[in-house]
Amino acid sequence: MKLPWKYILVSFLIGLLAGGSTGLFYSHKLAHEWLKRGPDMFLRHLDRKLHLDEQQKAKIYPLLVADRDKLMAYQDTLRKAARVQIRALLKPDQQANFDAMVAKHDAERRKREGK
């Protein structure tokens, strides 16, 4: 018994959508986890490749953490600037909905980050 090509195509598309949506759902979480563990992972990588001594590790690690903190602060600055620009383009009723949306997003982010 032959399966018509339409059923095969529909099955393929359902699988593609399911896989893509799962990837999108977890990609933000994985990126955030990588950013939190980035300095540790990079220091281990440097140690494996360069065979660092303890004194070098102790001096390099704070530099990596400071860079991560600068990156996160810069992301915060960009996020806030974009929100101000978007809000300025919205009508008053849209602004109220946007503010609620932003507050919810910020609360979820704080919860994820453990703050």
PDB file of N, CA and C in Angstrom:
ATOM      1  N   MET A   1       0.846  -1.167   0.000  1.00  0.00           N
ATOM      2  CA  MET A   1       0.000   0.000   0.000  1.00  0.00           C
ATOM      3  C   MET A   1       0.898   1.239   0.000  1.00  0.00           C
ATOM      4  N   LYS A   2       0.647   2.155  -0.931  1.00  0.00           N
ATOM      5  CA  LYS A   2       1.448   3.360  -1.055  1.00  0.00           C
ATOM      6  C   LYS A   2       0.841   4.500  -0.238  1.00  0.00           C
ATOM      7  N   LEU A   3       1.708   5.229   0.435  1.00  0.00           N
ATOM      8  CA  LEU A   3       1.264   6.445   1.113  1.00  0.00           C
ATOM      9  C   LEU A   3       1.332   7.590   0.108  1.00  0.00           C
ATOM     10  N   PRO A   4       0.274   8.329  -0.021  1.00  0.00           N
ATOM     11  CA  PRO A   4       0.331   9.478  -0.927  1.00  0.00           C
ATOM     12  C   PRO A   4       1.377  10.481  -0.451  1.00  0.00           C
ATOM     13  N   TRP A   5       1.989  11.186  -1.363  1.00  0.00           N
ATOM     14  CA  TRP A   5       3.052  12.139  -1.046  1.00  0.00           C
ATOM     15  C   TRP A   5       2.543  13.261  -0.145  1.00  0.00           C
ATOM     16  N   LYS A   6       1.253  13.549  -0.203  1.00  0.00           N
ATOM     17  CA  LYS A   6       0.698  14.621   0.630  1.00  0.00           C
ATOM     18  C   LYS A   6       0.815  14.270   2.119  1.00  0.00           C
ATOM     19  N   TYR A   7       0.560  13.003   2.471  1.00  0.00           N
ATOM     20  CA  TYR A   7       0.669  12.592   3.872  1.00  0.00           C
ATOM     21  C   TYR A   7       2.120  12.670   4.358  1.00  0.00           C
ATOM     22  N   ILE A   8       3.012  12.291   3.496  1.00  0.00           N
ATOM     23  CA  ILE A   8       4.438  12.353   3.842  1.00  0.00           C
ATOM     24  C   ILE A   8       4.863  13.807   4.044  1.00  0.00           C
ATOM     25  N   LEU A   9       4.421  14.688   3.155  1.00  0.00           N
ATOM     26  CA  LEU A   9       4.755  16.100   3.261  1.00  0.00           C
ATOM     27  C   LEU A   9       4.170  16.714   4.530  1.00  0.00           C
ATOM     28  N   VAL A  10       2.922  16.405   4.831  1.00  0.00           N
ATOM     29  CA  VAL A  10       2.283  16.930   6.043  1.00  0.00           C
ATOM     30  C   VAL A  10       3.025  16.424   7.286  1.00  0.00           C
ATOM     31  N   SER A  11       3.384  15.162   7.302  1.00  0.00           N
ATOM     32  CA  SER A  11       4.124  14.604   8.440  1.00  0.00           C
ATOM     33  C   SER A  11       5.471  15.293   8.604  1.00  0.00           C
ATOM     34  N   PHE A  12       6.148  15.529   7.491  1.00  0.00           N
ATOM     35  CA  PHE A  12       7.436  16.227   7.525  1.00  0.00           C
ATOM     36  C   PHE A  12       7.268  17.639   8.079  1.00  0.00           C
ATOM     37  N   LEU A  13       6.247  18.356   7.626  1.00  0.00           N
ATOM     38  CA  LEU A  13       6.015  19.721   8.083  1.00  0.00           C
ATOM     39  C   LEU A  13       5.664  19.770   9.570  1.00  0.00           C
ATOM     40  N   ILE A  14       4.880  18.821  10.032  1.00  0.00           N
ATOM     41  CA  ILE A  14       4.545  18.760  11.469  1.00  0.00           C
ATOM     42  C   ILE A  14       5.818  18.530  12.286  1.00  0.00           C
ATOM     43  N   GLY A  15       6.654  17.634  11.843  1.00  0.00           N
ATOM     44  CA  GLY A  15       7.917  17.382  12.536  1.00  0.00           C
ATOM     45  C   GLY A  15       8.816  18.606  12.526  1.00  0.00           C
ATOM     46  N   LEU A  16       8.857  19.292  11.393  1.00  0.00           N
ATOM     47  CA  LEU A  16       9.674  20.501  11.283  1.00  0.00           C
ATOM     48  C   LEU A  16       9.180  21.583  12.243  1.00  0.00           C
ATOM     49  N   LEU A  17       7.877  21.774  12.292  1.00  0.00           N
ATOM     50  CA  LEU A  17       7.309  22.774  13.204  1.00  0.00           C
ATOM     51  C   LEU A  17       7.546  22.400  14.665  1.00  0.00           C
ATOM     52  N   ALA A  18       7.354  21.145  14.994  1.00  0.00           N
ATOM     53  CA  ALA A  18       7.559  20.702  16.379  1.00  0.00           C
ATOM     54  C   ALA A  18       9.022  20.878  16.791  1.00  0.00           C
ATOM     55  N   GLY A  19       9.928  20.469  15.932  1.00  0.00           N
ATOM     56  CA  GLY A  19      11.353  20.614  16.238  1.00  0.00           C
ATOM     57  C   GLY A  19      11.775  22.066  16.320  1.00  0.00           C
ATOM     58  N   GLY A  20      11.300  22.877  15.393  1.00  0.00           N
ATOM     59  CA  GLY A  20      11.646  24.298  15.389  1.00  0.00           C
ATOM     60  C   GLY A  20      11.119  25.024  16.610  1.00  0.00           C
ATOM     61  N   SER A  21       9.888  24.744  16.984  1.00  0.00           N
ATOM     62  CA  SER A  21       9.320  25.430  18.151  1.00  0.00           C
ATOM     63  C   SER A  21      10.021  24.991  19.434  1.00  0.00           C
ATOM     64  N   THR A  22      10.388  23.738  19.534  1.00  0.00           N
ATOM     65  CA  THR A  22      11.137  23.264  20.709  1.00  0.00           C
ATOM     66  C   THR A  22      12.491  23.955  20.771  1.00  0.00           C
ATOM     67  N   GLY A  23      13.155  24.062  19.633  1.00  0.00           N
ATOM     68  CA  GLY A  23      14.445  24.749  19.587  1.00  0.00           C
ATOM     69  C   GLY A  23      14.334  26.204  20.000  1.00  0.00           C
ATOM     70  N   LEU A  24      13.317  26.888  19.517  1.00  0.00           N
ATOM     71  CA  LEU A  24      13.122  28.292  19.893  1.00  0.00           C
ATOM     72  C   LEU A  24      12.823  28.433  21.379  1.00  0.00           C
ATOM     73  N   PHE A  25      12.034  27.513  21.898  1.00  0.00           N
ATOM     74  CA  PHE A  25      11.664  27.567  23.308  1.00  0.00           C
ATOM     75  C   PHE A  25      12.887  27.431  24.213  1.00  0.00           C
ATOM     76  N   TYR A  26      13.781  26.519  23.879  1.00  0.00           N
ATOM     77  CA  TYR A  26      14.929  26.255  24.730  1.00  0.00           C
ATOM     78  C   TYR A  26      16.165  27.078  24.393  1.00  0.00           C
ATOM     79  N   SER A  27      16.227  27.688  23.221  1.00  0.00           N
ATOM     80  CA  SER A  27      17.447  28.393  22.821  1.00  0.00           C
ATOM     81  C   SER A  27      17.752  29.565  23.746  1.00  0.00           C
ATOM     82  N   HIS A  28      16.739  30.310  24.158  1.00  0.00           N
ATOM     83  CA  HIS A  28      16.976  31.449  25.052  1.00  0.00           C
ATOM     84  C   HIS A  28      17.497  30.967  26.402  1.00  0.00           C
ATOM     85  N   LYS A  29      16.891  29.906  26.907  1.00  0.00           N
ATOM     86  CA  LYS A  29      17.322  29.359  28.194  1.00  0.00           C
ATOM     87  C   LYS A  29      18.759  28.852  28.111  1.00  0.00           C
ATOM     88  N   LEU A  30      19.085  28.159  27.030  1.00  0.00           N
ATOM     89  CA  LEU A  30      20.444  27.642  26.867  1.00  0.00           C
ATOM     90  C   LEU A  30      21.457  28.768  26.715  1.00  0.00           C
ATOM     91  N   ALA A  31      21.086  29.820  25.983  1.00  0.00           N
ATOM     92  CA  ALA A  31      21.990  30.955  25.804  1.00  0.00           C
ATOM     93  C   ALA A  31      22.260  31.625  27.145  1.00  0.00           C
ATOM     94  N   HIS A  32      21.225  31.766  27.962  1.00  0.00           N
ATOM     95  CA  HIS A  32      21.400  32.388  29.271  1.00  0.00           C
ATOM     96  C   HIS A  32      22.292  31.519  30.167  1.00  0.00           C
ATOM     97  N   GLU A  33      22.070  30.223  30.152  1.00  0.00           N
ATOM     98  CA  GLU A  33      22.905  29.323  30.952  1.00  0.00           C
ATOM     99  C   GLU A  33      24.356  29.390  30.496  1.00  0.00           C
ATOM    100  N   TRP A  34      24.572  29.465  29.187  1.00  0.00           N
ATOM    101  CA  TRP A  34      25.934  29.549  28.677  1.00  0.00           C
ATOM    102  C   TRP A  34      26.583  30.844  29.136  1.00  0.00           C
ATOM    103  N   LEU A  35      25.822  31.931  29.121  1.00  0.00           N
ATOM    104  CA  LEU A  35      26.370  33.216  29.540  1.00  0.00           C
ATOM    105  C   LEU A  35      26.764  33.177  31.012  1.00  0.00           C
ATOM    106  N   LYS A  36      25.951  32.518  31.840  1.00  0.00           N
ATOM    107  CA  LYS A  36      26.282  32.420  33.270  1.00  0.00           C
ATOM    108  C   LYS A  36      27.543  31.578  33.483  1.00  0.00           C
ATOM    109  N   ARG A  37      27.672  30.488  32.724  1.00  0.00           N
ATOM    110  CA  ARG A  37      28.808  29.580  32.923  1.00  0.00           C
ATOM    111  C   ARG A  37      29.974  29.888  31.992  1.00  0.00           C
ATOM    112  N   GLY A  38      29.824  30.897  31.155  1.00  0.00           N
ATOM    113  CA  GLY A  38      30.839  31.232  30.157  1.00  0.00           C
ATOM    114  C   GLY A  38      32.236  31.383  30.711  1.00  0.00           C
ATOM    115  N   PRO A  39      32.428  32.195  31.773  1.00  0.00           N
ATOM    116  CA  PRO A  39      33.787  32.371  32.287  1.00  0.00           C
ATOM    117  C   PRO A  39      34.418  31.062  32.761  1.00  0.00           C
ATOM    118  N   ASP A  40      33.632  30.230  33.439  1.00  0.00           N
ATOM    119  CA  ASP A  40      34.170  28.952  33.910  1.00  0.00           C
ATOM    120  C   ASP A  40      34.577  28.057  32.743  1.00  0.00           C
ATOM    121  N   MET A  41      33.691  27.991  31.754  1.00  0.00           N
ATOM    122  CA  MET A  41      33.970  27.131  30.590  1.00  0.00           C
ATOM    123  C   MET A  41      35.190  27.637  29.826  1.00  0.00           C
ATOM    124  N   PHE A  42      35.290  28.947  29.640  1.00  0.00           N
ATOM    125  CA  PHE A  42      36.417  29.485  28.883  1.00  0.00           C
ATOM    126  C   PHE A  42      37.724  29.312  29.646  1.00  0.00           C
ATOM    127  N   LEU A  43      37.667  29.477  30.966  1.00  0.00           N
ATOM    128  CA  LEU A  43      38.878  29.275  31.764  1.00  0.00           C
ATOM    129  C   LEU A  43      39.341  27.820  31.682  1.00  0.00           C
ATOM    130  N   ARG A  44      38.398  26.874  31.736  1.00  0.00           N
ATOM    131  CA  ARG A  44      38.771  25.455  31.582  1.00  0.00           C
ATOM    132  C   ARG A  44      39.386  25.209  30.201  1.00  0.00           C
ATOM    133  N   HIS A  45      38.821  25.845  29.176  1.00  0.00           N
ATOM    134  CA  HIS A  45      39.356  25.702  27.818  1.00  0.00           C
ATOM    135  C   HIS A  45      40.789  26.249  27.762  1.00  0.00           C
ATOM    136  N   LEU A  46      41.002  27.434  28.323  1.00  0.00           N
ATOM    137  CA  LEU A  46      42.354  28.002  28.343  1.00  0.00           C
ATOM    138  C   LEU A  46      43.312  27.096  29.102  1.00  0.00           C
ATOM    139  N   ASP A  47      42.863  26.565  30.209  1.00  0.00           N
ATOM    140  CA  ASP A  47      43.713  25.694  31.011  1.00  0.00           C
ATOM    141  C   ASP A  47      44.100  24.433  30.233  1.00  0.00           C
ATOM    142  N   ARG A  48      43.130  23.856  29.542  1.00  0.00           N
ATOM    143  CA  ARG A  48      43.429  22.654  28.742  1.00  0.00           C
ATOM    144  C   ARG A  48      44.446  22.947  27.647  1.00  0.00           C
ATOM    145  N   LYS A  49      44.291  24.092  26.998  1.00  0.00           N
ATOM    146  CA  LYS A  49      45.166  24.407  25.865  1.00  0.00           C
ATOM    147  C   LYS A  49      46.515  24.978  26.295  1.00  0.00           C
ATOM    148  N   LEU A  50      46.518  25.775  27.375  1.00  0.00           N
ATOM    149  CA  LEU A  50      47.737  26.499  27.759  1.00  0.00           C
ATOM    150  C   LEU A  50      48.379  26.006  29.039  1.00  0.00           C
ATOM    151  N   HIS A  51      47.703  25.100  29.766  1.00  0.00           N
ATOM    152  CA  HIS A  51      48.226  24.548  31.024  1.00  0.00           C
ATOM    153  C   HIS A  51      48.569  25.680  32.002  1.00  0.00           C
ATOM    154  N   LEU A  52      47.548  26.421  32.386  1.00  0.00           N
ATOM    155  CA  LEU A  52      47.728  27.554  33.287  1.00  0.00           C
ATOM    156  C   LEU A  52      48.055  27.076  34.692  1.00  0.00           C
ATOM    157  N   ASP A  53      48.847  27.885  35.404  1.00  0.00           N
ATOM    158  CA  ASP A  53      49.060  27.575  36.817  1.00  0.00           C
ATOM    159  C   ASP A  53      47.975  28.279  37.630  1.00  0.00           C
ATOM    160  N   GLU A  54      47.931  27.990  38.925  1.00  0.00           N
ATOM    161  CA  GLU A  54      46.861  28.514  39.775  1.00  0.00           C
ATOM    162  C   GLU A  54      46.877  30.046  39.852  1.00  0.00           C
ATOM    163  N   GLN A  55      48.056  30.620  39.861  1.00  0.00           N
ATOM    164  CA  GLN A  55      48.159  32.078  39.927  1.00  0.00           C
ATOM    165  C   GLN A  55      47.580  32.726  38.656  1.00  0.00           C
ATOM    166  N   GLN A  56      47.864  32.130  37.510  1.00  0.00           N
ATOM    167  CA  GLN A  56      47.313  32.656  36.260  1.00  0.00           C
ATOM    168  C   GLN A  56      45.788  32.535  36.236  1.00  0.00           C
ATOM    169  N   LYS A  57      45.288  31.380  36.680  1.00  0.00           N
ATOM    170  CA  LYS A  57      43.831  31.186  36.734  1.00  0.00           C
ATOM    171  C   LYS A  57      43.181  32.231  37.631  1.00  0.00           C
ATOM    172  N   ALA A  58      43.815  32.486  38.783  1.00  0.00           N
ATOM    173  CA  ALA A  58      43.268  33.445  39.739  1.00  0.00           C
ATOM    174  C   ALA A  58      43.224  34.855  39.170  1.00  0.00           C
ATOM    175  N   LYS A  59      44.130  35.190  38.277  1.00  0.00           N
ATOM    176  CA  LYS A  59      44.147  36.526  37.677  1.00  0.00           C
ATOM    177  C   LYS A  59      43.238  36.616  36.449  1.00  0.00           C
ATOM    178  N   ILE A  60      43.109  35.533  35.716  1.00  0.00           N
ATOM    179  CA  ILE A  60      42.312  35.545  34.476  1.00  0.00           C
ATOM    180  C   ILE A  60      40.815  35.486  34.776  1.00  0.00           C
ATOM    181  N   TYR A  61      40.421  34.696  35.750  1.00  0.00           N
ATOM    182  CA  TYR A  61      38.994  34.511  36.023  1.00  0.00           C
ATOM    183  C   TYR A  61      38.252  35.824  36.297  1.00  0.00           C
ATOM    184  N   PRO A  62      38.769  36.716  37.149  1.00  0.00           N
ATOM    185  CA  PRO A  62      38.057  37.985  37.372  1.00  0.00           C
ATOM    186  C   PRO A  62      37.906  38.815  36.095  1.00  0.00           C
ATOM    187  N   LEU A  63      38.868  38.725  35.194  1.00  0.00           N
ATOM    188  CA  LEU A  63      38.758  39.447  33.920  1.00  0.00           C
ATOM    189  C   LEU A  63      37.593  38.914  33.090  1.00  0.00           C
ATOM    190  N   LEU A  64      37.453  37.600  33.080  1.00  0.00           N
ATOM    191  CA  LEU A  64      36.363  36.986  32.316  1.00  0.00           C
ATOM    192  C   LEU A  64      35.005  37.334  32.908  1.00  0.00           C
ATOM    193  N   VAL A  65      34.913  37.340  34.230  1.00  0.00           N
ATOM    194  CA  VAL A  65      33.651  37.684  34.889  1.00  0.00           C
ATOM    195  C   VAL A  65      33.304  39.147  34.633  1.00  0.00           C
ATOM    196  N   ALA A  66      34.303  40.022  34.690  1.00  0.00           N
ATOM    197  CA  ALA A  66      34.061  41.444  34.445  1.00  0.00           C
ATOM    198  C   ALA A  66      33.560  41.665  33.016  1.00  0.00           C
ATOM    199  N   ASP A  67      34.128  40.944  32.058  1.00  0.00           N
ATOM    200  CA  ASP A  67      33.665  41.058  30.670  1.00  0.00           C
ATOM    201  C   ASP A  67      32.218  40.596  30.543  1.00  0.00           C
ATOM    202  N   ARG A  68      31.879  39.514  31.224  1.00  0.00           N
ATOM    203  CA  ARG A  68      30.503  39.025  31.183  1.00  0.00           C
ATOM    204  C   ARG A  68      29.556  40.059  31.777  1.00  0.00           C
ATOM    205  N   ASP A  69      29.964  40.657  32.882  1.00  0.00           N
ATOM    206  CA  ASP A  69      29.127  41.670  33.528  1.00  0.00           C
ATOM    207  C   ASP A  69      28.953  42.900  32.644  1.00  0.00           C
ATOM    208  N   LYS A  70      30.012  43.286  31.938  1.00  0.00           N
ATOM    209  CA  LYS A  70      29.911  44.412  30.998  1.00  0.00           C
ATOM    210  C   LYS A  70      28.939  44.083  29.870  1.00  0.00           C
ATOM    211  N   LEU A  71      29.015  42.866  29.373  1.00  0.00           N
ATOM    212  CA  LEU A  71      28.128  42.444  28.292  1.00  0.00           C
ATOM    213  C   LEU A  71      26.676  42.468  28.747  1.00  0.00           C
ATOM    214  N   MET A  72      26.414  41.960  29.935  1.00  0.00           N
ATOM    215  CA  MET A  72      25.041  41.939  30.445  1.00  0.00           C
ATOM    216  C   MET A  72      24.523  43.363  30.679  1.00  0.00           C
ATOM    217  N   ALA A  73      25.383  44.255  31.167  1.00  0.00           N
ATOM    218  CA  ALA A  73      24.983  45.647  31.371  1.00  0.00           C
ATOM    219  C   ALA A  73      24.688  46.319  30.034  1.00  0.00           C
ATOM    220  N   TYR A  74      25.495  46.018  29.026  1.00  0.00           N
ATOM    221  CA  TYR A  74      25.279  46.588  27.692  1.00  0.00           C
ATOM    222  C   TYR A  74      23.963  46.076  27.104  1.00  0.00           C
ATOM    223  N   GLN A  75      23.669  44.806  27.299  1.00  0.00           N
ATOM    224  CA  GLN A  75      22.402  44.252  26.834  1.00  0.00           C
ATOM    225  C   GLN A  75      21.235  44.954  27.515  1.00  0.00           C
ATOM    226  N   ASP A  76      21.375  45.210  28.797  1.00  0.00           N
ATOM    227  CA  ASP A  76      20.327  45.925  29.539  1.00  0.00           C
ATOM    228  C   ASP A  76      20.113  47.325  28.970  1.00  0.00           C
ATOM    229  N   THR A  77      21.203  48.019  28.671  1.00  0.00           N
ATOM    230  CA  THR A  77      21.122  49.363  28.097  1.00  0.00           C
ATOM    231  C   THR A  77      20.412  49.330  26.748  1.00  0.00           C
ATOM    232  N   LEU A  78      20.785  48.378  25.902  1.00  0.00           N
ATOM    233  CA  LEU A  78      20.144  48.255  24.589  1.00  0.00           C
ATOM    234  C   LEU A  78      18.663  47.936  24.723  1.00  0.00           C
ATOM    235  N   ARG A  79      18.327  47.045  25.644  1.00  0.00           N
ATOM    236  CA  ARG A  79      16.928  46.655  25.852  1.00  0.00           C
ATOM    237  C   ARG A  79      16.100  47.864  26.281  1.00  0.00           C
ATOM    238  N   LYS A  80      16.620  48.639  27.228  1.00  0.00           N
ATOM    239  CA  LYS A  80      15.891  49.806  27.717  1.00  0.00           C
ATOM    240  C   LYS A  80      15.715  50.858  26.626  1.00  0.00           C
ATOM    241  N   ALA A  81      16.752  51.092  25.836  1.00  0.00           N
ATOM    242  CA  ALA A  81      16.673  52.083  24.757  1.00  0.00           C
ATOM    243  C   ALA A  81      15.646  51.654  23.705  1.00  0.00           C
ATOM    244  N   ALA A  82      15.641  50.385  23.367  1.00  0.00           N
ATOM    245  CA  ALA A  82      14.671  49.886  22.387  1.00  0.00           C
ATOM    246  C   ALA A  82      13.250  50.034  22.912  1.00  0.00           C
ATOM    247  N   ARG A  83      13.061  49.755  24.188  1.00  0.00           N
ATOM    248  CA  ARG A  83      11.723  49.873  24.778  1.00  0.00           C
ATOM    249  C   ARG A  83      11.229  51.319  24.746  1.00  0.00           C
ATOM    250  N   VAL A  84      12.121  52.259  25.021  1.00  0.00           N
ATOM    251  CA  VAL A  84      11.736  53.673  24.987  1.00  0.00           C
ATOM    252  C   VAL A  84      11.315  54.061  23.574  1.00  0.00           C
ATOM    253  N   GLN A  85      12.084  53.623  22.587  1.00  0.00           N
ATOM    254  CA  GLN A  85      11.763  53.951  21.196  1.00  0.00           C
ATOM    255  C   GLN A  85      10.449  53.306  20.757  1.00  0.00           C
ATOM    256  N   ILE A  86      10.243  52.070  21.127  1.00  0.00           N
ATOM    257  CA  ILE A  86       9.004  51.373  20.756  1.00  0.00           C
ATOM    258  C   ILE A  86       7.817  52.050  21.425  1.00  0.00           C
ATOM    259  N   ARG A  87       7.954  52.348  22.711  1.00  0.00           N
ATOM    260  CA  ARG A  87       6.849  52.964  23.457  1.00  0.00           C
ATOM    261  C   ARG A  87       6.444  54.298  22.847  1.00  0.00           C
ATOM    262  N   ALA A  88       7.425  55.066  22.364  1.00  0.00           N
ATOM    263  CA  ALA A  88       7.142  56.371  21.765  1.00  0.00           C
ATOM    264  C   ALA A  88       6.302  56.246  20.490  1.00  0.00           C
ATOM    265  N   LEU A  89       6.357  55.109  19.834  1.00  0.00           N
ATOM    266  CA  LEU A  89       5.614  54.897  18.589  1.00  0.00           C
ATOM    267  C   LEU A  89       4.199  54.375  18.818  1.00  0.00           C
ATOM    268  N   LEU A  90       3.881  54.029  20.057  1.00  0.00           N
ATOM    269  CA  LEU A  90       2.595  53.417  20.354  1.00  0.00           C
ATOM    270  C   LEU A  90       1.554  54.453  20.780  1.00  0.00           C
ATOM    271  N   LYS A  91       0.302  54.081  20.565  1.00  0.00           N
ATOM    272  CA  LYS A  91      -0.823  54.895  21.029  1.00  0.00           C
ATOM    273  C   LYS A  91      -0.967  54.678  22.543  1.00  0.00           C
ATOM    274  N   PRO A  92      -1.655  55.608  23.248  1.00  0.00           N
ATOM    275  CA  PRO A  92      -1.761  55.478  24.718  1.00  0.00           C
ATOM    276  C   PRO A  92      -2.303  54.127  25.198  1.00  0.00           C
ATOM    277  N   ASP A  93      -3.325  53.590  24.545  1.00  0.00           N
ATOM    278  CA  ASP A  93      -3.852  52.290  24.983  1.00  0.00           C
ATOM    279  C   ASP A  93      -2.851  51.171  24.717  1.00  0.00           C
ATOM    280  N   GLN A  94      -2.085  51.304  23.640  1.00  0.00           N
ATOM    281  CA  GLN A  94      -1.052  50.313  23.340  1.00  0.00           C
ATOM    282  C   GLN A  94       0.094  50.425  24.339  1.00  0.00           C
ATOM    283  N   GLN A  95       0.390  51.638  24.770  1.00  0.00           N
ATOM    284  CA  GLN A  95       1.471  51.841  25.733  1.00  0.00           C
ATOM    285  C   GLN A  95       1.182  51.113  27.044  1.00  0.00           C
ATOM    286  N   ALA A  96      -0.064  51.167  27.482  1.00  0.00           N
ATOM    287  CA  ALA A  96      -0.428  50.476  28.724  1.00  0.00           C
ATOM    288  C   ALA A  96      -0.224  48.966  28.583  1.00  0.00           C
ATOM    289  N   ASN A  97      -0.648  48.414  27.445  1.00  0.00           N
ATOM    290  CA  ASN A  97      -0.447  46.977  27.199  1.00  0.00           C
ATOM    291  C   ASN A  97       1.037  46.646  27.091  1.00  0.00           C
ATOM    292  N   PHE A  98       1.795  47.523  26.430  1.00  0.00           N
ATOM    293  CA  PHE A  98       3.233  47.319  26.280  1.00  0.00           C
ATOM    294  C   PHE A  98       3.919  47.339  27.643  1.00  0.00           C
ATOM    295  N   ASP A  99       3.530  48.291  28.497  1.00  0.00           N
ATOM    296  CA  ASP A  99       4.116  48.369  29.837  1.00  0.00           C
ATOM    297  C   ASP A  99       3.851  47.095  30.637  1.00  0.00           C
ATOM    298  N   ALA A 100       2.636  46.575  30.524  1.00  0.00           N
ATOM    299  CA  ALA A 100       2.296  45.328  31.215  1.00  0.00           C
ATOM    300  C   ALA A 100       3.123  44.164  30.659  1.00  0.00           C
ATOM    301  N   MET A 101       3.270  44.128  29.341  1.00  0.00           N
ATOM    302  CA  MET A 101       4.057  43.084  28.693  1.00  0.00           C
ATOM    303  C   MET A 101       5.514  43.128  29.168  1.00  0.00           C
ATOM    304  N   VAL A 102       6.071  44.337  29.211  1.00  0.00           N
ATOM    305  CA  VAL A 102       7.460  44.522  29.641  1.00  0.00           C
ATOM    306  C   VAL A 102       7.634  44.116  31.100  1.00  0.00           C
ATOM    307  N   ALA A 103       6.678  44.506  31.945  1.00  0.00           N
ATOM    308  CA  ALA A 103       6.760  44.147  33.363  1.00  0.00           C
ATOM    309  C   ALA A 103       6.733  42.634  33.544  1.00  0.00           C
ATOM    310  N   LYS A 104       5.872  41.961  32.791  1.00  0.00           N
ATOM    311  CA  LYS A 104       5.789  40.497  32.871  1.00  0.00           C
ATOM    312  C   LYS A 104       7.102  39.860  32.401  1.00  0.00           C
ATOM    313  N   HIS A 105       7.638  40.359  31.307  1.00  0.00           N
ATOM    314  CA  HIS A 105       8.897  39.833  30.766  1.00  0.00           C
ATOM    315  C   HIS A 105      10.037  40.026  31.768  1.00  0.00           C
ATOM    316  N   ASP A 106      10.089  41.216  32.374  1.00  0.00           N
ATOM    317  CA  ASP A 106      11.142  41.486  33.354  1.00  0.00           C
ATOM    318  C   ASP A 106      11.024  40.573  34.577  1.00  0.00           C
ATOM    319  N   ALA A 107       9.794  40.337  35.025  1.00  0.00           N
ATOM    320  CA  ALA A 107       9.589  39.449  36.171  1.00  0.00           C
ATOM    321  C   ALA A 107      10.029  38.025  35.842  1.00  0.00           C
ATOM    322  N   GLU A 108       9.706  37.560  34.640  1.00  0.00           N
ATOM    323  CA  GLU A 108      10.124  36.217  34.220  1.00  0.00           C
ATOM    324  C   GLU A 108      11.647  36.129  34.138  1.00  0.00           C
ATOM    325  N   ARG A 109      12.283  37.188  33.625  1.00  0.00           N
ATOM    326  CA  ARG A 109      13.742  37.186  33.499  1.00  0.00           C
ATOM    327  C   ARG A 109      14.393  37.171  34.886  1.00  0.00           C
ATOM    328  N   ARG A 110      13.863  37.974  35.821  1.00  0.00           N
ATOM    329  CA  ARG A 110      14.412  37.978  37.183  1.00  0.00           C
ATOM    330  C   ARG A 110      14.265  36.612  37.832  1.00  0.00           C
ATOM    331  N   LYS A 111      13.124  35.971  37.597  1.00  0.00           N
ATOM    332  CA  LYS A 111      12.891  34.639  38.159  1.00  0.00           C
ATOM    333  C   LYS A 111      13.888  33.630  37.574  1.00  0.00           C
ATOM    334  N   ARG A 112      14.102  33.691  36.262  1.00  0.00           N
ATOM    335  CA  ARG A 112      15.058  32.793  35.602  1.00  0.00           C
ATOM    336  C   ARG A 112      16.464  33.011  36.118  1.00  0.00           C
ATOM    337  N   GLU A 113      16.811  34.279  36.339  1.00  0.00           N
ATOM    338  CA  GLU A 113      18.174  34.604  36.781  1.00  0.00           C
ATOM    339  C   GLU A 113      18.358  34.430  38.278  1.00  0.00           C
ATOM    340  N   GLY A 114      17.241  34.164  38.982  1.00  0.00           N
ATOM    341  CA  GLY A 114      17.339  33.946  40.411  1.00  0.00           C
ATOM    342  C   GLY A 114      17.521  35.221  41.211  1.00  0.00           C
ATOM    343  N   LYS A 115      17.014  36.329  40.692  1.00  0.00           N
ATOM    344  CA  LYS A 115      17.160  37.616  41.403  1.00  0.00           C
ATOM    345  C   LYS A 115      15.899  37.965  42.129  1.00  0.00           C
TER     346      LYS A 115
END
